[in-house]
N, C-alpha and C. Protein backbone atom coordinates (compact mmCIF):
# COMPACT_ATOMS: atom_id res chain seq x y z
N MET A 1 64.05 164.83 55.71
CA MET A 1 62.96 164.02 55.22
C MET A 1 63.40 163.24 54.00
N THR A 2 62.88 162.07 53.89
CA THR A 2 63.21 161.25 52.73
C THR A 2 62.20 161.52 51.62
N ALA A 3 62.57 161.24 50.41
CA ALA A 3 61.71 161.52 49.26
C ALA A 3 60.39 160.78 49.34
N GLU A 4 60.40 159.55 49.86
CA GLU A 4 59.16 158.78 49.89
C GLU A 4 58.15 159.31 50.90
N THR A 5 58.57 160.15 51.83
CA THR A 5 57.61 160.70 52.79
C THR A 5 56.84 161.88 52.21
N THR A 6 57.30 162.46 51.14
CA THR A 6 56.66 163.65 50.59
C THR A 6 55.19 163.40 50.25
N ALA A 7 54.88 162.31 49.60
CA ALA A 7 53.50 162.02 49.20
C ALA A 7 52.59 161.83 50.40
N ASP A 8 53.10 161.37 51.51
CA ASP A 8 52.29 161.12 52.70
C ASP A 8 51.67 162.39 53.27
N PHE A 9 52.26 163.53 53.00
CA PHE A 9 51.78 164.78 53.59
C PHE A 9 50.38 165.16 53.13
N THR A 10 50.04 164.84 51.91
CA THR A 10 48.73 165.23 51.40
C THR A 10 47.76 164.05 51.36
N ASN A 11 48.18 162.90 51.82
CA ASN A 11 47.34 161.72 51.83
C ASN A 11 46.54 161.65 53.13
N THR A 12 45.70 162.66 53.36
CA THR A 12 44.90 162.70 54.58
C THR A 12 43.61 163.46 54.34
N GLU A 13 42.59 163.07 55.06
CA GLU A 13 41.32 163.77 55.00
C GLU A 13 41.22 164.84 56.08
N LEU A 14 42.23 164.90 56.95
CA LEU A 14 42.24 165.85 58.05
C LEU A 14 42.54 167.25 57.53
N GLY A 15 41.58 168.13 57.66
CA GLY A 15 41.75 169.49 57.17
C GLY A 15 41.23 169.69 55.76
N THR A 16 40.83 168.61 55.11
CA THR A 16 40.24 168.72 53.77
C THR A 16 38.81 168.20 53.84
N ASP A 17 38.63 166.89 53.89
CA ASP A 17 37.29 166.31 53.98
C ASP A 17 36.70 166.47 55.39
N ILE A 18 37.54 166.42 56.39
CA ILE A 18 37.09 166.62 57.77
C ILE A 18 37.53 168.02 58.20
N THR A 19 36.57 168.85 58.56
CA THR A 19 36.84 170.25 58.91
C THR A 19 36.60 170.49 60.40
N THR A 20 36.98 171.67 60.85
CA THR A 20 36.71 172.02 62.26
C THR A 20 35.21 172.05 62.52
N GLU A 21 34.42 172.43 61.54
CA GLU A 21 32.97 172.41 61.70
C GLU A 21 32.48 170.99 61.95
N ASP A 22 33.07 170.02 61.25
CA ASP A 22 32.71 168.62 61.47
C ASP A 22 33.01 168.19 62.90
N VAL A 23 34.16 168.62 63.40
CA VAL A 23 34.55 168.27 64.77
C VAL A 23 33.57 168.93 65.75
N GLN A 24 33.26 170.20 65.54
CA GLN A 24 32.31 170.88 66.41
C GLN A 24 30.95 170.20 66.38
N ASP A 25 30.49 169.82 65.20
CA ASP A 25 29.21 169.12 65.08
C ASP A 25 29.27 167.76 65.79
N GLY A 26 30.38 167.07 65.62
CA GLY A 26 30.55 165.78 66.29
C GLY A 26 30.47 165.91 67.80
N PHE A 27 31.10 166.93 68.34
CA PHE A 27 31.06 167.17 69.78
C PHE A 27 29.64 167.48 70.24
N GLU A 28 28.90 168.26 69.46
CA GLU A 28 27.53 168.62 69.83
C GLU A 28 26.61 167.40 69.85
N LEU A 29 26.85 166.46 68.96
CA LEU A 29 25.99 165.27 68.89
C LEU A 29 26.22 164.30 70.04
N LEU A 30 27.39 164.38 70.65
CA LEU A 30 27.73 163.43 71.71
C LEU A 30 27.32 164.01 73.06
N ASP A 31 26.71 163.15 73.88
CA ASP A 31 26.12 163.61 75.13
C ASP A 31 27.10 163.82 76.27
N ASP A 32 28.12 163.00 76.33
CA ASP A 32 29.02 163.12 77.48
C ASP A 32 30.47 163.02 77.03
N TRP A 33 31.36 163.29 77.99
CA TRP A 33 32.78 163.33 77.66
C TRP A 33 33.38 161.95 77.41
N GLU A 34 32.78 160.94 77.94
CA GLU A 34 33.25 159.58 77.64
C GLU A 34 33.13 159.32 76.14
N GLU A 35 31.98 159.72 75.57
CA GLU A 35 31.77 159.55 74.12
C GLU A 35 32.68 160.48 73.33
N ARG A 36 32.90 161.68 73.83
CA ARG A 36 33.76 162.63 73.13
C ARG A 36 35.21 162.16 73.11
N TYR A 37 35.65 161.55 74.21
CA TYR A 37 37.01 160.97 74.22
C TYR A 37 37.12 159.90 73.15
N GLY A 38 36.08 159.08 73.03
CA GLY A 38 36.08 158.05 71.99
C GLY A 38 36.15 158.66 70.61
N TYR A 39 35.42 159.75 70.40
CA TYR A 39 35.43 160.46 69.12
C TYR A 39 36.82 161.03 68.83
N ILE A 40 37.44 161.63 69.85
CA ILE A 40 38.79 162.18 69.70
C ILE A 40 39.77 161.07 69.29
N MET A 41 39.66 159.93 69.97
CA MET A 41 40.57 158.81 69.65
C MET A 41 40.30 158.27 68.24
N ASP A 42 39.02 158.26 67.83
CA ASP A 42 38.70 157.85 66.45
C ASP A 42 39.33 158.79 65.43
N LEU A 43 39.33 160.09 65.73
CA LEU A 43 39.99 161.04 64.84
C LEU A 43 41.49 160.72 64.75
N GLY A 44 42.08 160.35 65.87
CA GLY A 44 43.50 160.00 65.90
C GLY A 44 43.84 158.83 65.00
N LYS A 45 42.88 157.93 64.80
CA LYS A 45 43.10 156.78 63.92
C LYS A 45 43.18 157.20 62.46
N LYS A 46 42.77 158.43 62.16
CA LYS A 46 42.79 158.94 60.78
C LYS A 46 44.10 159.66 60.45
N LEU A 47 45.00 159.77 61.43
CA LEU A 47 46.30 160.39 61.14
C LEU A 47 47.02 159.58 60.07
N PRO A 48 47.64 160.25 59.11
CA PRO A 48 48.40 159.51 58.11
C PRO A 48 49.61 158.84 58.75
N PRO A 49 50.13 157.80 58.13
CA PRO A 49 51.30 157.12 58.68
C PRO A 49 52.47 158.08 58.84
N PHE A 50 53.17 157.91 59.93
CA PHE A 50 54.34 158.74 60.21
C PHE A 50 55.59 157.91 59.91
N PRO A 51 56.49 158.43 59.10
CA PRO A 51 57.69 157.64 58.72
C PRO A 51 58.56 157.32 59.93
N GLU A 52 58.87 156.07 60.08
CA GLU A 52 59.69 155.62 61.21
C GLU A 52 61.03 156.35 61.26
N ALA A 53 61.60 156.64 60.10
CA ALA A 53 62.90 157.32 60.04
C ALA A 53 62.84 158.74 60.61
N GLU A 54 61.65 159.31 60.70
CA GLU A 54 61.50 160.69 61.19
C GLU A 54 61.26 160.76 62.70
N ARG A 55 61.21 159.62 63.37
CA ARG A 55 61.06 159.60 64.83
C ARG A 55 62.45 159.79 65.45
N ARG A 56 62.87 161.04 65.43
CA ARG A 56 64.19 161.37 65.95
C ARG A 56 64.10 162.69 66.71
N GLU A 57 65.15 162.99 67.41
CA GLU A 57 65.15 164.13 68.34
C GLU A 57 64.74 165.45 67.69
N GLN A 58 65.22 165.74 66.50
CA GLN A 58 64.92 167.03 65.88
C GLN A 58 63.43 167.20 65.56
N ASN A 59 62.67 166.10 65.52
CA ASN A 59 61.24 166.16 65.22
C ASN A 59 60.38 165.92 66.46
N TYR A 60 61.02 165.78 67.59
CA TYR A 60 60.32 165.49 68.84
C TYR A 60 59.72 166.77 69.40
N VAL A 61 58.49 166.70 69.88
CA VAL A 61 57.83 167.85 70.49
C VAL A 61 58.04 167.77 72.00
N HIS A 62 58.82 168.69 72.52
CA HIS A 62 59.08 168.72 73.96
C HIS A 62 57.94 169.43 74.67
N GLY A 63 57.64 169.00 75.87
CA GLY A 63 56.57 169.61 76.64
C GLY A 63 55.32 168.75 76.68
N CYS A 64 55.35 167.63 75.98
CA CYS A 64 54.22 166.72 75.98
C CYS A 64 54.47 165.59 76.97
N GLN A 65 53.42 165.13 77.61
CA GLN A 65 53.52 164.01 78.54
C GLN A 65 53.86 162.74 77.77
N SER A 66 53.29 162.60 76.59
CA SER A 66 53.52 161.45 75.73
C SER A 66 54.61 161.79 74.72
N GLN A 67 55.04 160.78 74.00
CA GLN A 67 55.99 161.02 72.92
C GLN A 67 55.23 161.54 71.71
N VAL A 68 55.68 162.68 71.18
CA VAL A 68 55.03 163.29 70.01
C VAL A 68 56.12 163.71 69.04
N TRP A 69 55.88 163.41 67.75
CA TRP A 69 56.79 163.82 66.69
C TRP A 69 55.99 164.63 65.68
N LEU A 70 56.65 165.61 65.09
CA LEU A 70 56.00 166.49 64.13
C LEU A 70 56.99 166.84 63.02
N ILE A 71 56.55 166.67 61.79
CA ILE A 71 57.35 167.10 60.64
C ILE A 71 56.43 167.89 59.72
N HIS A 72 57.03 168.65 58.82
CA HIS A 72 56.24 169.44 57.89
C HIS A 72 56.92 169.49 56.53
N ARG A 73 56.14 169.92 55.56
CA ARG A 73 56.66 170.17 54.22
C ARG A 73 55.93 171.39 53.68
N LYS A 74 56.67 172.28 53.07
CA LYS A 74 56.06 173.44 52.43
C LYS A 74 56.01 173.18 50.94
N ASP A 75 54.81 173.24 50.40
CA ASP A 75 54.64 173.06 48.96
C ASP A 75 55.24 174.27 48.25
N PRO A 76 56.23 174.07 47.39
CA PRO A 76 56.91 175.20 46.75
C PRO A 76 56.00 176.01 45.83
N GLU A 77 54.98 175.39 45.27
CA GLU A 77 54.10 176.09 44.34
C GLU A 77 53.04 176.92 45.06
N SER A 78 52.37 176.32 46.03
CA SER A 78 51.27 177.02 46.71
C SER A 78 51.72 177.75 47.97
N GLY A 79 52.88 177.37 48.51
CA GLY A 79 53.34 177.94 49.76
C GLY A 79 52.64 177.38 50.98
N ARG A 80 51.80 176.38 50.79
CA ARG A 80 51.05 175.79 51.90
C ARG A 80 51.93 174.84 52.71
N LEU A 81 51.66 174.80 54.01
CA LEU A 81 52.37 173.89 54.90
C LEU A 81 51.52 172.64 55.13
N TYR A 82 52.18 171.51 55.02
CA TYR A 82 51.53 170.22 55.28
C TYR A 82 52.24 169.57 56.46
N LEU A 83 51.46 169.05 57.37
CA LEU A 83 51.97 168.52 58.62
C LEU A 83 51.79 167.02 58.71
N LEU A 84 52.68 166.39 59.44
CA LEU A 84 52.50 165.02 59.90
C LEU A 84 52.82 165.03 61.38
N ILE A 85 51.93 164.47 62.17
CA ILE A 85 52.11 164.41 63.62
C ILE A 85 51.79 163.00 64.06
N ASP A 86 52.52 162.52 65.04
CA ASP A 86 52.21 161.21 65.60
C ASP A 86 52.55 161.20 67.08
N SER A 87 51.92 160.29 67.80
CA SER A 87 52.16 160.11 69.22
C SER A 87 51.99 158.64 69.58
N ASP A 88 52.55 158.29 70.73
CA ASP A 88 52.38 156.94 71.23
C ASP A 88 51.12 156.79 72.05
N ALA A 89 50.38 157.86 72.31
CA ALA A 89 49.16 157.82 73.12
C ALA A 89 47.94 158.12 72.23
N MET A 90 46.92 157.30 72.34
CA MET A 90 45.74 157.43 71.48
C MET A 90 45.04 158.78 71.65
N ILE A 91 44.88 159.25 72.87
CA ILE A 91 44.20 160.53 73.07
C ILE A 91 45.01 161.68 72.46
N VAL A 92 46.32 161.60 72.58
CA VAL A 92 47.18 162.64 72.02
C VAL A 92 47.15 162.58 70.49
N ARG A 93 47.07 161.38 69.94
CA ARG A 93 46.91 161.25 68.48
C ARG A 93 45.63 161.95 68.05
N GLY A 94 44.58 161.80 68.83
CA GLY A 94 43.31 162.47 68.52
C GLY A 94 43.42 163.98 68.61
N LEU A 95 44.11 164.47 69.63
CA LEU A 95 44.32 165.91 69.77
C LEU A 95 45.17 166.43 68.60
N ALA A 96 46.16 165.64 68.20
CA ALA A 96 46.99 166.01 67.04
C ALA A 96 46.13 166.05 65.78
N ALA A 97 45.18 165.14 65.67
CA ALA A 97 44.28 165.14 64.51
C ALA A 97 43.45 166.42 64.48
N ILE A 98 42.97 166.88 65.63
CA ILE A 98 42.21 168.13 65.69
C ILE A 98 43.08 169.29 65.23
N ILE A 99 44.33 169.30 65.67
CA ILE A 99 45.26 170.35 65.23
C ILE A 99 45.45 170.29 63.71
N MET A 100 45.63 169.09 63.19
CA MET A 100 45.81 168.96 61.73
C MET A 100 44.56 169.40 60.99
N ILE A 101 43.39 169.08 61.51
CA ILE A 101 42.14 169.49 60.88
C ILE A 101 42.10 171.02 60.77
N ALA A 102 42.54 171.69 61.83
CA ALA A 102 42.49 173.15 61.86
C ALA A 102 43.60 173.82 61.05
N LEU A 103 44.75 173.18 60.93
CA LEU A 103 45.92 173.88 60.38
C LEU A 103 46.50 173.31 59.09
N ASN A 104 46.29 172.07 58.81
CA ASN A 104 46.96 171.43 57.69
C ASN A 104 46.56 172.04 56.35
N GLY A 105 47.56 172.28 55.49
CA GLY A 105 47.31 172.77 54.15
C GLY A 105 47.07 174.27 54.06
N ARG A 106 47.45 175.00 55.09
CA ARG A 106 47.30 176.46 55.08
C ARG A 106 48.65 177.11 54.79
N THR A 107 48.61 178.33 54.33
CA THR A 107 49.85 179.07 54.17
C THR A 107 50.34 179.45 55.57
N PRO A 108 51.63 179.74 55.72
CA PRO A 108 52.12 180.15 57.04
C PRO A 108 51.33 181.33 57.61
N LYS A 109 51.01 182.31 56.78
CA LYS A 109 50.26 183.48 57.25
C LYS A 109 48.87 183.06 57.75
N GLU A 110 48.18 182.23 56.97
CA GLU A 110 46.86 181.75 57.38
C GLU A 110 46.96 180.95 58.68
N LEU A 111 47.95 180.10 58.73
CA LEU A 111 48.13 179.24 59.89
C LEU A 111 48.28 180.06 61.18
N LEU A 112 49.01 181.17 61.08
CA LEU A 112 49.25 181.99 62.26
C LEU A 112 48.02 182.79 62.69
N THR A 113 47.01 182.87 61.85
CA THR A 113 45.80 183.62 62.22
C THR A 113 44.69 182.73 62.76
N VAL A 114 44.85 181.41 62.69
CA VAL A 114 43.82 180.50 63.20
C VAL A 114 43.75 180.62 64.72
N ASP A 115 42.55 180.79 65.24
CA ASP A 115 42.33 180.92 66.67
C ASP A 115 42.12 179.54 67.28
N LEU A 116 43.23 178.83 67.51
CA LEU A 116 43.13 177.49 68.08
C LEU A 116 42.65 177.53 69.52
N GLU A 117 43.08 178.51 70.29
CA GLU A 117 42.60 178.61 71.68
C GLU A 117 41.08 178.76 71.68
N GLY A 118 40.54 179.53 70.74
CA GLY A 118 39.09 179.69 70.63
C GLY A 118 38.42 178.37 70.29
N LEU A 119 39.03 177.61 69.38
CA LEU A 119 38.48 176.29 69.03
C LEU A 119 38.51 175.37 70.24
N PHE A 120 39.65 175.33 70.94
CA PHE A 120 39.76 174.47 72.11
C PHE A 120 38.73 174.87 73.17
N GLU A 121 38.52 176.18 73.31
CA GLU A 121 37.55 176.68 74.28
C GLU A 121 36.13 176.28 73.86
N GLU A 122 35.83 176.45 72.58
CA GLU A 122 34.50 176.07 72.09
C GLU A 122 34.23 174.59 72.30
N LEU A 123 35.25 173.78 72.09
CA LEU A 123 35.10 172.33 72.31
C LEU A 123 35.17 171.96 73.79
N ASP A 124 35.56 172.93 74.63
CA ASP A 124 35.71 172.74 76.07
C ASP A 124 36.80 171.70 76.38
N LEU A 125 37.81 171.64 75.50
CA LEU A 125 38.86 170.64 75.63
C LEU A 125 39.70 170.80 76.89
N MET A 126 40.14 172.02 77.16
CA MET A 126 41.11 172.23 78.24
C MET A 126 40.55 171.86 79.61
N ARG A 127 39.24 171.95 79.77
CA ARG A 127 38.64 171.55 81.06
C ARG A 127 38.53 170.04 81.20
N HIS A 128 38.63 169.33 80.08
CA HIS A 128 38.39 167.89 80.11
C HIS A 128 39.60 167.02 79.80
N ILE A 129 40.73 167.66 79.58
CA ILE A 129 41.96 166.88 79.46
C ILE A 129 42.86 167.29 80.62
N SER A 130 43.79 166.44 80.96
CA SER A 130 44.67 166.72 82.09
C SER A 130 45.53 167.95 81.79
N PRO A 131 46.00 168.63 82.83
CA PRO A 131 46.88 169.78 82.61
C PRO A 131 48.12 169.42 81.79
N THR A 132 48.67 168.23 82.00
CA THR A 132 49.85 167.85 81.23
C THR A 132 49.50 167.63 79.76
N ARG A 133 48.31 167.08 79.48
CA ARG A 133 47.86 166.93 78.08
C ARG A 133 47.63 168.31 77.47
N GLY A 134 47.07 169.23 78.26
CA GLY A 134 46.87 170.60 77.79
C GLY A 134 48.19 171.27 77.44
N ASN A 135 49.20 171.05 78.28
CA ASN A 135 50.54 171.59 77.99
C ASN A 135 51.09 171.00 76.70
N GLY A 136 50.87 169.71 76.51
CA GLY A 136 51.34 169.04 75.30
C GLY A 136 50.64 169.56 74.06
N LEU A 137 49.34 169.80 74.19
CA LEU A 137 48.57 170.36 73.08
C LEU A 137 49.12 171.72 72.70
N ARG A 138 49.37 172.54 73.69
CA ARG A 138 49.94 173.87 73.43
C ARG A 138 51.36 173.77 72.86
N ALA A 139 52.13 172.78 73.30
CA ALA A 139 53.50 172.61 72.78
C ALA A 139 53.46 172.25 71.30
N MET A 140 52.51 171.41 70.89
CA MET A 140 52.38 171.07 69.48
C MET A 140 52.04 172.32 68.67
N VAL A 141 51.06 173.10 69.16
CA VAL A 141 50.64 174.31 68.46
C VAL A 141 51.80 175.30 68.38
N GLU A 142 52.51 175.46 69.48
CA GLU A 142 53.65 176.39 69.50
C GLU A 142 54.72 175.99 68.49
N GLN A 143 55.01 174.71 68.40
CA GLN A 143 56.02 174.25 67.46
C GLN A 143 55.56 174.50 66.01
N ILE A 144 54.29 174.27 65.74
CA ILE A 144 53.76 174.51 64.39
C ILE A 144 53.81 176.01 64.07
N GLN A 145 53.47 176.85 65.04
CA GLN A 145 53.52 178.29 64.81
C GLN A 145 54.96 178.77 64.59
N THR A 146 55.91 178.17 65.29
CA THR A 146 57.32 178.49 65.07
C THR A 146 57.73 178.13 63.65
N ILE A 147 57.29 176.97 63.18
CA ILE A 147 57.57 176.55 61.81
C ILE A 147 56.95 177.54 60.83
N ALA A 148 55.70 177.93 61.08
CA ALA A 148 55.01 178.87 60.18
C ALA A 148 55.73 180.22 60.12
N ARG A 149 56.17 180.72 61.26
CA ARG A 149 56.91 182.00 61.27
C ARG A 149 58.19 181.88 60.46
N ARG A 150 58.88 180.74 60.62
CA ARG A 150 60.15 180.53 59.91
C ARG A 150 59.90 180.37 58.39
N GLU A 151 58.77 179.79 58.02
CA GLU A 151 58.48 179.51 56.61
C GLU A 151 57.82 180.68 55.88
N GLN A 152 57.46 181.74 56.61
CA GLN A 152 56.87 182.90 55.95
C GLN A 152 57.88 183.51 54.99
N GLU A 153 57.38 184.00 53.91
CA GLU A 153 58.27 184.58 52.90
C GLU A 153 58.58 186.03 53.18
């Protein structure tokens, strides 16, 4: 990672101002899945900029139908992990935003205890996205959990 990308990690409302409760409330307010897809894509527009220099093989998330990149930074003082995720597909960007809302800014230990499958089930996501998108969603989560296990003290 380059020095100028460090500040980008905390320049997001995902996981701070926008919480999983907000996402759950948003889903409840919307009547059908067409509107929910729009909401998911709107969340994706809130992803912080992803540094072009970091779009390389070592940051690529394998197992996704779309191209997805993921980088992280561990704050040395708080021990919290900050994520940046990007994709070339709008719906996947939205799914990445939901992951960031749930996981960004947590310690590795906290991150590993978040019940993302429960969140996805509550939102009924897996029934409404394609199996390949579901695999990609799980691949992103798996990669983040691998990072968290490696970053535990």
